[in-house]
Amino acid sequence: MAGEPIVPKGQALLPYDWGIRLDWQNVAVMRLRGWMELGFTQPYLMSLFEKAGFSWRLHDDPRTDKARLFLLRKD
């Protein structure tokens, strides 16, 4: 899932667990290029991995929200 946005729950650009992101850049890309830009909330996506038997750990860079790495391991 490299490059897929995983955002905290409750952000305006993604007011649901997963789906089309509503920020202006992605809406413009969808209109111009005709493809979908999806995003996922962190609680929703990590719960899916947990149900599938994975554990996870977040490696976060406090200087930017663009450098977040989720390490997933099959238990």
PDB file of N, CA and C in Angstrom:
ATOM      1  N   MET A   1       0.820  -1.192   0.000  1.00  0.00           N
ATOM      2  CA  MET A   1       0.000   0.000   0.000  1.00  0.00           C
ATOM      3  C   MET A   1       0.859   1.249   0.000  1.00  0.00           C
ATOM      4  N   ALA A   2       1.977   1.199  -0.638  1.00  0.00           N
ATOM      5  CA  ALA A   2       2.859   2.356  -0.672  1.00  0.00           C
ATOM      6  C   ALA A   2       2.157   3.552  -1.296  1.00  0.00           C
ATOM      7  N   GLY A   3       2.200   4.645  -0.589  1.00  0.00           N
ATOM      8  CA  GLY A   3       1.624   5.873  -1.103  1.00  0.00           C
ATOM      9  C   GLY A   3       0.133   6.036  -0.837  1.00  0.00           C
ATOM     10  N   GLU A   4      -0.510   5.025  -0.300  1.00  0.00           N
ATOM     11  CA  GLU A   4      -1.934   5.164   0.012  1.00  0.00           C
ATOM     12  C   GLU A   4      -2.084   5.933   1.318  1.00  0.00           C
ATOM     13  N   PRO A   5      -2.926   6.948   1.352  1.00  0.00           N
ATOM     14  CA  PRO A   5      -3.071   7.733   2.559  1.00  0.00           C
ATOM     15  C   PRO A   5      -3.825   6.966   3.648  1.00  0.00           C
ATOM     16  N   ILE A   6      -3.225   6.941   4.813  1.00  0.00           N
ATOM     17  CA  ILE A   6      -3.841   6.362   6.001  1.00  0.00           C
ATOM     18  C   ILE A   6      -3.911   7.504   7.001  1.00  0.00           C
ATOM     19  N   VAL A   7      -5.117   7.955   7.286  1.00  0.00           N
ATOM     20  CA  VAL A   7      -5.307   9.168   8.078  1.00  0.00           C
ATOM     21  C   VAL A   7      -5.983   8.852   9.406  1.00  0.00           C
ATOM     22  N   PRO A   8      -5.793   9.712  10.415  1.00  0.00           N
ATOM     23  CA  PRO A   8      -6.534   9.537  11.661  1.00  0.00           C
ATOM     24  C   PRO A   8      -8.034   9.680  11.413  1.00  0.00           C
ATOM     25  N   LYS A   9      -8.830   9.065  12.256  1.00  0.00           N
ATOM     26  CA  LYS A   9     -10.290   9.155  12.110  1.00  0.00           C
ATOM     27  C   LYS A   9     -10.760  10.584  12.386  1.00  0.00           C
ATOM     28  N   GLY A  10     -11.790  11.002  11.668  1.00  0.00           N
ATOM     29  CA  GLY A  10     -12.411  12.286  11.930  1.00  0.00           C
ATOM     30  C   GLY A  10     -11.834  13.462  11.161  1.00  0.00           C
ATOM     31  N   GLN A  11     -11.144  13.219  10.064  1.00  0.00           N
ATOM     32  CA  GLN A  11     -10.628  14.326   9.257  1.00  0.00           C
ATOM     33  C   GLN A  11     -11.625  14.673   8.152  1.00  0.00           C
ATOM     34  N   ALA A  12     -11.700  15.940   7.819  1.00  0.00           N
ATOM     35  CA  ALA A  12     -12.662  16.402   6.824  1.00  0.00           C
ATOM     36  C   ALA A  12     -12.407  15.810   5.444  1.00  0.00           C
ATOM     37  N   LEU A  13     -11.142  15.514   5.106  1.00  0.00           N
ATOM     38  CA  LEU A  13     -10.866  14.985   3.769  1.00  0.00           C
ATOM     39  C   LEU A  13     -11.322  13.535   3.629  1.00  0.00           C
ATOM     40  N   LEU A  14     -11.619  12.877   4.745  1.00  0.00           N
ATOM     41  CA  LEU A  14     -12.095  11.493   4.712  1.00  0.00           C
ATOM     42  C   LEU A  14     -13.052  11.287   5.890  1.00  0.00           C
ATOM     43  N   PRO A  15     -14.311  11.696   5.743  1.00  0.00           N
ATOM     44  CA  PRO A  15     -15.249  11.643   6.869  1.00  0.00           C
ATOM     45  C   PRO A  15     -15.870  10.265   7.101  1.00  0.00           C
ATOM     46  N   TYR A  16     -15.336   9.245   6.482  1.00  0.00           N
ATOM     47  CA  TYR A  16     -15.820   7.871   6.637  1.00  0.00           C
ATOM     48  C   TYR A  16     -14.609   6.961   6.773  1.00  0.00           C
ATOM     49  N   ASP A  17     -14.832   5.661   7.054  1.00  0.00           N
ATOM     50  CA  ASP A  17     -13.720   4.737   7.316  1.00  0.00           C
ATOM     51  C   ASP A  17     -12.793   4.551   6.118  1.00  0.00           C
ATOM     52  N   TRP A  18     -13.332   4.475   4.930  1.00  0.00           N
ATOM     53  CA  TRP A  18     -12.520   4.403   3.715  1.00  0.00           C
ATOM     54  C   TRP A  18     -13.371   4.886   2.563  1.00  0.00           C
ATOM     55  N   GLY A  19     -12.716   5.357   1.529  1.00  0.00           N
ATOM     56  CA  GLY A  19     -13.453   5.821   0.364  1.00  0.00           C
ATOM     57  C   GLY A  19     -12.703   6.927  -0.353  1.00  0.00           C
ATOM     58  N   ILE A  20     -13.434   7.641  -1.175  1.00  0.00           N
ATOM     59  CA  ILE A  20     -12.849   8.715  -1.981  1.00  0.00           C
ATOM     60  C   ILE A  20     -12.457   9.880  -1.081  1.00  0.00           C
ATOM     61  N   ARG A  21     -11.219  10.325  -1.240  1.00  0.00           N
ATOM     62  CA  ARG A  21     -10.748  11.486  -0.479  1.00  0.00           C
ATOM     63  C   ARG A  21     -11.360  12.750  -1.063  1.00  0.00           C
ATOM     64  N   LEU A  22     -11.706  13.687  -0.208  1.00  0.00           N
ATOM     65  CA  LEU A  22     -12.445  14.866  -0.636  1.00  0.00           C
ATOM     66  C   LEU A  22     -11.618  16.148  -0.687  1.00  0.00           C
ATOM     67  N   ASP A  23     -10.277  16.040  -0.567  1.00  0.00           N
ATOM     68  CA  ASP A  23      -9.489  17.258  -0.666  1.00  0.00           C
ATOM     69  C   ASP A  23      -9.458  17.715  -2.124  1.00  0.00           C
ATOM     70  N   TRP A  24      -9.243  19.006  -2.323  1.00  0.00           N
ATOM     71  CA  TRP A  24      -9.410  19.599  -3.658  1.00  0.00           C
ATOM     72  C   TRP A  24      -8.473  18.992  -4.694  1.00  0.00           C
ATOM     73  N   GLN A  25      -7.245  18.648  -4.312  1.00  0.00           N
ATOM     74  CA  GLN A  25      -6.302  18.096  -5.286  1.00  0.00           C
ATOM     75  C   GLN A  25      -6.804  16.767  -5.851  1.00  0.00           C
ATOM     76  N   ASN A  26      -7.312  15.912  -4.995  1.00  0.00           N
ATOM     77  CA  ASN A  26      -7.775  14.608  -5.452  1.00  0.00           C
ATOM     78  C   ASN A  26      -9.081  14.694  -6.227  1.00  0.00           C
ATOM     79  N   VAL A  27      -9.941  15.593  -5.831  1.00  0.00           N
ATOM     80  CA  VAL A  27     -11.173  15.790  -6.599  1.00  0.00           C
ATOM     81  C   VAL A  27     -10.825  16.281  -8.010  1.00  0.00           C
ATOM     82  N   ALA A  28      -9.861  17.186  -8.113  1.00  0.00           N
ATOM     83  CA  ALA A  28      -9.437  17.685  -9.430  1.00  0.00           C
ATOM     84  C   ALA A  28      -8.827  16.574 -10.277  1.00  0.00           C
ATOM     85  N   VAL A  29      -7.982  15.728  -9.678  1.00  0.00           N
ATOM     86  CA  VAL A  29      -7.364  14.617 -10.415  1.00  0.00           C
ATOM     87  C   VAL A  29      -8.435  13.641 -10.897  1.00  0.00           C
ATOM     88  N   MET A  30      -9.411  13.345 -10.053  1.00  0.00           N
ATOM     89  CA  MET A  30     -10.491  12.433 -10.469  1.00  0.00           C
ATOM     90  C   MET A  30     -11.258  13.007 -11.654  1.00  0.00           C
ATOM     91  N   ARG A  31     -11.516  14.297 -11.598  1.00  0.00           N
ATOM     92  CA  ARG A  31     -12.269  14.928 -12.686  1.00  0.00           C
ATOM     93  C   ARG A  31     -11.456  14.972 -13.981  1.00  0.00           C
ATOM     94  N   LEU A  32     -10.190  15.347 -13.883  1.00  0.00           N
ATOM     95  CA  LEU A  32      -9.359  15.493 -15.075  1.00  0.00           C
ATOM     96  C   LEU A  32      -8.909  14.160 -15.666  1.00  0.00           C
ATOM     97  N   ARG A  33      -8.536  13.218 -14.818  1.00  0.00           N
ATOM     98  CA  ARG A  33      -7.961  11.966 -15.295  1.00  0.00           C
ATOM     99  C   ARG A  33      -8.931  10.795 -15.270  1.00  0.00           C
ATOM    100  N   GLY A  34     -10.000  10.922 -14.510  1.00  0.00           N
ATOM    101  CA  GLY A  34     -11.009   9.873 -14.492  1.00  0.00           C
ATOM    102  C   GLY A  34     -10.681   8.665 -13.617  1.00  0.00           C
ATOM    103  N   TRP A  35      -9.787   8.839 -12.650  1.00  0.00           N
ATOM    104  CA  TRP A  35      -9.517   7.721 -11.755  1.00  0.00           C
ATOM    105  C   TRP A  35      -9.882   8.098 -10.321  1.00  0.00           C
ATOM    106  N   MET A  36     -10.011   7.088  -9.471  1.00  0.00           N
ATOM    107  CA  MET A  36     -10.383   7.317  -8.084  1.00  0.00           C
ATOM    108  C   MET A  36      -9.143   7.446  -7.217  1.00  0.00           C
ATOM    109  N   GLU A  37      -9.225   8.274  -6.237  1.00  0.00           N
ATOM    110  CA  GLU A  37      -8.179   8.439  -5.230  1.00  0.00           C
ATOM    111  C   GLU A  37      -8.791   8.069  -3.889  1.00  0.00           C
ATOM    112  N   LEU A  38      -8.400   6.906  -3.356  1.00  0.00           N
ATOM    113  CA  LEU A  38      -8.972   6.420  -2.117  1.00  0.00           C
ATOM    114  C   LEU A  38      -8.082   6.741  -0.924  1.00  0.00           C
ATOM    115  N   GLY A  39      -8.683   6.724   0.243  1.00  0.00           N
ATOM    116  CA  GLY A  39      -7.970   6.876   1.496  1.00  0.00           C
ATOM    117  C   GLY A  39      -8.610   5.970   2.530  1.00  0.00           C
ATOM    118  N   PHE A  40      -7.908   5.746   3.623  1.00  0.00           N
ATOM    119  CA  PHE A  40      -8.362   4.854   4.688  1.00  0.00           C
ATOM    120  C   PHE A  40      -8.096   5.504   6.032  1.00  0.00           C
ATOM    121  N   THR A  41      -8.992   5.280   7.014  1.00  0.00           N
ATOM    122  CA  THR A  41      -8.684   5.727   8.365  1.00  0.00           C
ATOM    123  C   THR A  41      -7.817   4.670   9.030  1.00  0.00           C
ATOM    124  N   GLN A  42      -6.918   5.135   9.868  1.00  0.00           N
ATOM    125  CA  GLN A  42      -6.006   4.211  10.537  1.00  0.00           C
ATOM    126  C   GLN A  42      -6.753   3.176  11.386  1.00  0.00           C
ATOM    127  N   PRO A  43      -7.733   3.562  12.223  1.00  0.00           N
ATOM    128  CA  PRO A  43      -8.407   2.537  13.036  1.00  0.00           C
ATOM    129  C   PRO A  43      -9.090   1.463  12.183  1.00  0.00           C
ATOM    130  N   TYR A  44      -9.728   1.870  11.105  1.00  0.00           N
ATOM    131  CA  TYR A  44     -10.421   0.910  10.246  1.00  0.00           C
ATOM    132  C   TYR A  44      -9.445  -0.058   9.582  1.00  0.00           C
ATOM    133  N   LEU A  45      -8.412   0.474   8.977  1.00  0.00           N
ATOM    134  CA  LEU A  45      -7.470  -0.362   8.243  1.00  0.00           C
ATOM    135  C   LEU A  45      -6.708  -1.303   9.180  1.00  0.00           C
ATOM    136  N   MET A  46      -6.270  -0.800  10.326  1.00  0.00           N
ATOM    137  CA  MET A  46      -5.535  -1.656  11.259  1.00  0.00           C
ATOM    138  C   MET A  46      -6.446  -2.734  11.853  1.00  0.00           C
ATOM    139  N   SER A  47      -7.730  -2.438  12.025  1.00  0.00           N
ATOM    140  CA  SER A  47      -8.654  -3.471  12.524  1.00  0.00           C
ATOM    141  C   SER A  47      -8.813  -4.596  11.505  1.00  0.00           C
ATOM    142  N   LEU A  48      -8.778  -4.271  10.220  1.00  0.00           N
ATOM    143  CA  LEU A  48      -8.840  -5.317   9.197  1.00  0.00           C
ATOM    144  C   LEU A  48      -7.612  -6.213   9.250  1.00  0.00           C
ATOM    145  N   PHE A  49      -6.437  -5.601   9.403  1.00  0.00           N
ATOM    146  CA  PHE A  49      -5.215  -6.396   9.514  1.00  0.00           C
ATOM    147  C   PHE A  49      -5.219  -7.257  10.772  1.00  0.00           C
ATOM    148  N   GLU A  50      -5.691  -6.701  11.883  1.00  0.00           N
ATOM    149  CA  GLU A  50      -5.757  -7.473  13.130  1.00  0.00           C
ATOM    150  C   GLU A  50      -6.689  -8.674  12.985  1.00  0.00           C
ATOM    151  N   LYS A  51      -7.837  -8.477  12.347  1.00  0.00           N
ATOM    152  CA  LYS A  51      -8.783  -9.585  12.128  1.00  0.00           C
ATOM    153  C   LYS A  51      -8.176 -10.668  11.244  1.00  0.00           C
ATOM    154  N   ALA A  52      -7.251 -10.288  10.373  1.00  0.00           N
ATOM    155  CA  ALA A  52      -6.591 -11.250   9.484  1.00  0.00           C
ATOM    156  C   ALA A  52      -5.369 -11.884  10.146  1.00  0.00           C
ATOM    157  N   GLY A  53      -5.111 -11.565  11.426  1.00  0.00           N
ATOM    158  CA  GLY A  53      -4.030 -12.202  12.151  1.00  0.00           C
ATOM    159  C   GLY A  53      -2.705 -11.476  12.126  1.00  0.00           C
ATOM    160  N   PHE A  54      -2.725 -10.197  11.820  1.00  0.00           N
ATOM    161  CA  PHE A  54      -1.497  -9.411  11.796  1.00  0.00           C
ATOM    162  C   PHE A  54      -1.407  -8.537  13.042  1.00  0.00           C
ATOM    163  N   SER A  55      -0.201  -8.324  13.501  1.00  0.00           N
ATOM    164  CA  SER A  55       0.051  -7.283  14.491  1.00  0.00           C
ATOM    165  C   SER A  55       0.730  -6.136  13.749  1.00  0.00           C
ATOM    166  N   TRP A  56       0.662  -4.953  14.319  1.00  0.00           N
ATOM    167  CA  TRP A  56       1.225  -3.813  13.617  1.00  0.00           C
ATOM    168  C   TRP A  56       1.879  -2.853  14.598  1.00  0.00           C
ATOM    169  N   ARG A  57       2.790  -2.069  14.051  1.00  0.00           N
ATOM    170  CA  ARG A  57       3.467  -1.029  14.816  1.00  0.00           C
ATOM    171  C   ARG A  57       3.678   0.159  13.887  1.00  0.00           C
ATOM    172  N   LEU A  58       3.480   1.325  14.425  1.00  0.00           N
ATOM    173  CA  LEU A  58       3.640   2.559  13.652  1.00  0.00           C
ATOM    174  C   LEU A  58       4.997   3.172  13.942  1.00  0.00           C
ATOM    175  N   HIS A  59       5.737   3.474  12.898  1.00  0.00           N
ATOM    176  CA  HIS A  59       6.975   4.245  12.994  1.00  0.00           C
ATOM    177  C   HIS A  59       6.648   5.617  12.411  1.00  0.00           C
ATOM    178  N   ASP A  60       6.614   6.599  13.264  1.00  0.00           N
ATOM    179  CA  ASP A  60       6.170   7.929  12.867  1.00  0.00           C
ATOM    180  C   ASP A  60       7.330   8.908  12.891  1.00  0.00           C
ATOM    181  N   ASP A  61       7.327   9.844  11.963  1.00  0.00           N
ATOM    182  CA  ASP A  61       8.297  10.932  11.966  1.00  0.00           C
ATOM    183  C   ASP A  61       7.556  12.185  12.424  1.00  0.00           C
ATOM    184  N   PRO A  62       7.881  12.708  13.600  1.00  0.00           N
ATOM    185  CA  PRO A  62       7.134  13.848  14.133  1.00  0.00           C
ATOM    186  C   PRO A  62       7.280  15.133  13.316  1.00  0.00           C
ATOM    187  N   ARG A  63       8.233  15.153  12.397  1.00  0.00           N
ATOM    188  CA  ARG A  63       8.444  16.366  11.593  1.00  0.00           C
ATOM    189  C   ARG A  63       7.478  16.486  10.427  1.00  0.00           C
ATOM    190  N   THR A  64       6.846  15.375  10.050  1.00  0.00           N
ATOM    191  CA  THR A  64       5.939  15.416   8.897  1.00  0.00           C
ATOM    192  C   THR A  64       4.944  14.271   8.977  1.00  0.00           C
ATOM    193  N   ASP A  65       3.762  14.471   8.427  1.00  0.00           N
ATOM    194  CA  ASP A  65       2.788  13.374   8.363  1.00  0.00           C
ATOM    195  C   ASP A  65       2.974  12.549   7.093  1.00  0.00           C
ATOM    196  N   LYS A  66       3.930  12.917   6.261  1.00  0.00           N
ATOM    197  CA  LYS A  66       4.185  12.199   5.011  1.00  0.00           C
ATOM    198  C   LYS A  66       5.120  11.008   5.198  1.00  0.00           C
ATOM    199  N   ALA A  67       5.762  10.905   6.351  1.00  0.00           N
ATOM    200  CA  ALA A  67       6.742   9.844   6.586  1.00  0.00           C
ATOM    201  C   ALA A  67       6.254   8.923   7.703  1.00  0.00           C
ATOM    202  N   ARG A  68       5.164   8.227   7.456  1.00  0.00           N
ATOM    203  CA  ARG A  68       4.616   7.283   8.424  1.00  0.00           C
ATOM    204  C   ARG A  68       4.764   5.887   7.837  1.00  0.00           C
ATOM    205  N   LEU A  69       5.303   4.984   8.636  1.00  0.00           N
ATOM    206  CA  LEU A  69       5.512   3.620   8.190  1.00  0.00           C
ATOM    207  C   LEU A  69       4.807   2.669   9.140  1.00  0.00           C
ATOM    208  N   PHE A  70       3.974   1.798   8.590  1.00  0.00           N
ATOM    209  CA  PHE A  70       3.303   0.775   9.374  1.00  0.00           C
ATOM    210  C   PHE A  70       4.009  -0.548   9.107  1.00  0.00           C
ATOM    211  N   LEU A  71       4.494  -1.146  10.178  1.00  0.00           N
ATOM    212  CA  LEU A  71       5.140  -2.456  10.078  1.00  0.00           C
ATOM    213  C   LEU A  71       4.105  -3.497  10.491  1.00  0.00           C
ATOM    214  N   LEU A  72       3.798  -4.414   9.575  1.00  0.00           N
ATOM    215  CA  LEU A  72       2.809  -5.466   9.818  1.00  0.00           C
ATOM    216  C   LEU A  72       3.503  -6.824   9.861  1.00  0.00           C
ATOM    217  N   ARG A  73       3.116  -7.626  10.834  1.00  0.00           N
ATOM    218  CA  ARG A  73       3.675  -8.977  10.950  1.00  0.00           C
ATOM    219  C   ARG A  73       2.547  -9.961  11.173  1.00  0.00           C
ATOM    220  N   LYS A  74       2.660 -11.085  10.491  1.00  0.00           N
ATOM    221  CA  LYS A  74       1.689 -12.163  10.672  1.00  0.00           C
ATOM    222  C   LYS A  74       2.004 -12.873  11.979  1.00  0.00           C
ATOM    223  N   ASP A  75       1.038 -12.916  12.885  1.00  0.00           N
ATOM    224  CA  ASP A  75       1.230 -13.578  14.185  1.00  0.00           C
ATOM    225  C   ASP A  75       1.213 -15.086  14.057  1.00  0.00           C
TER     226      ASP A  75
END
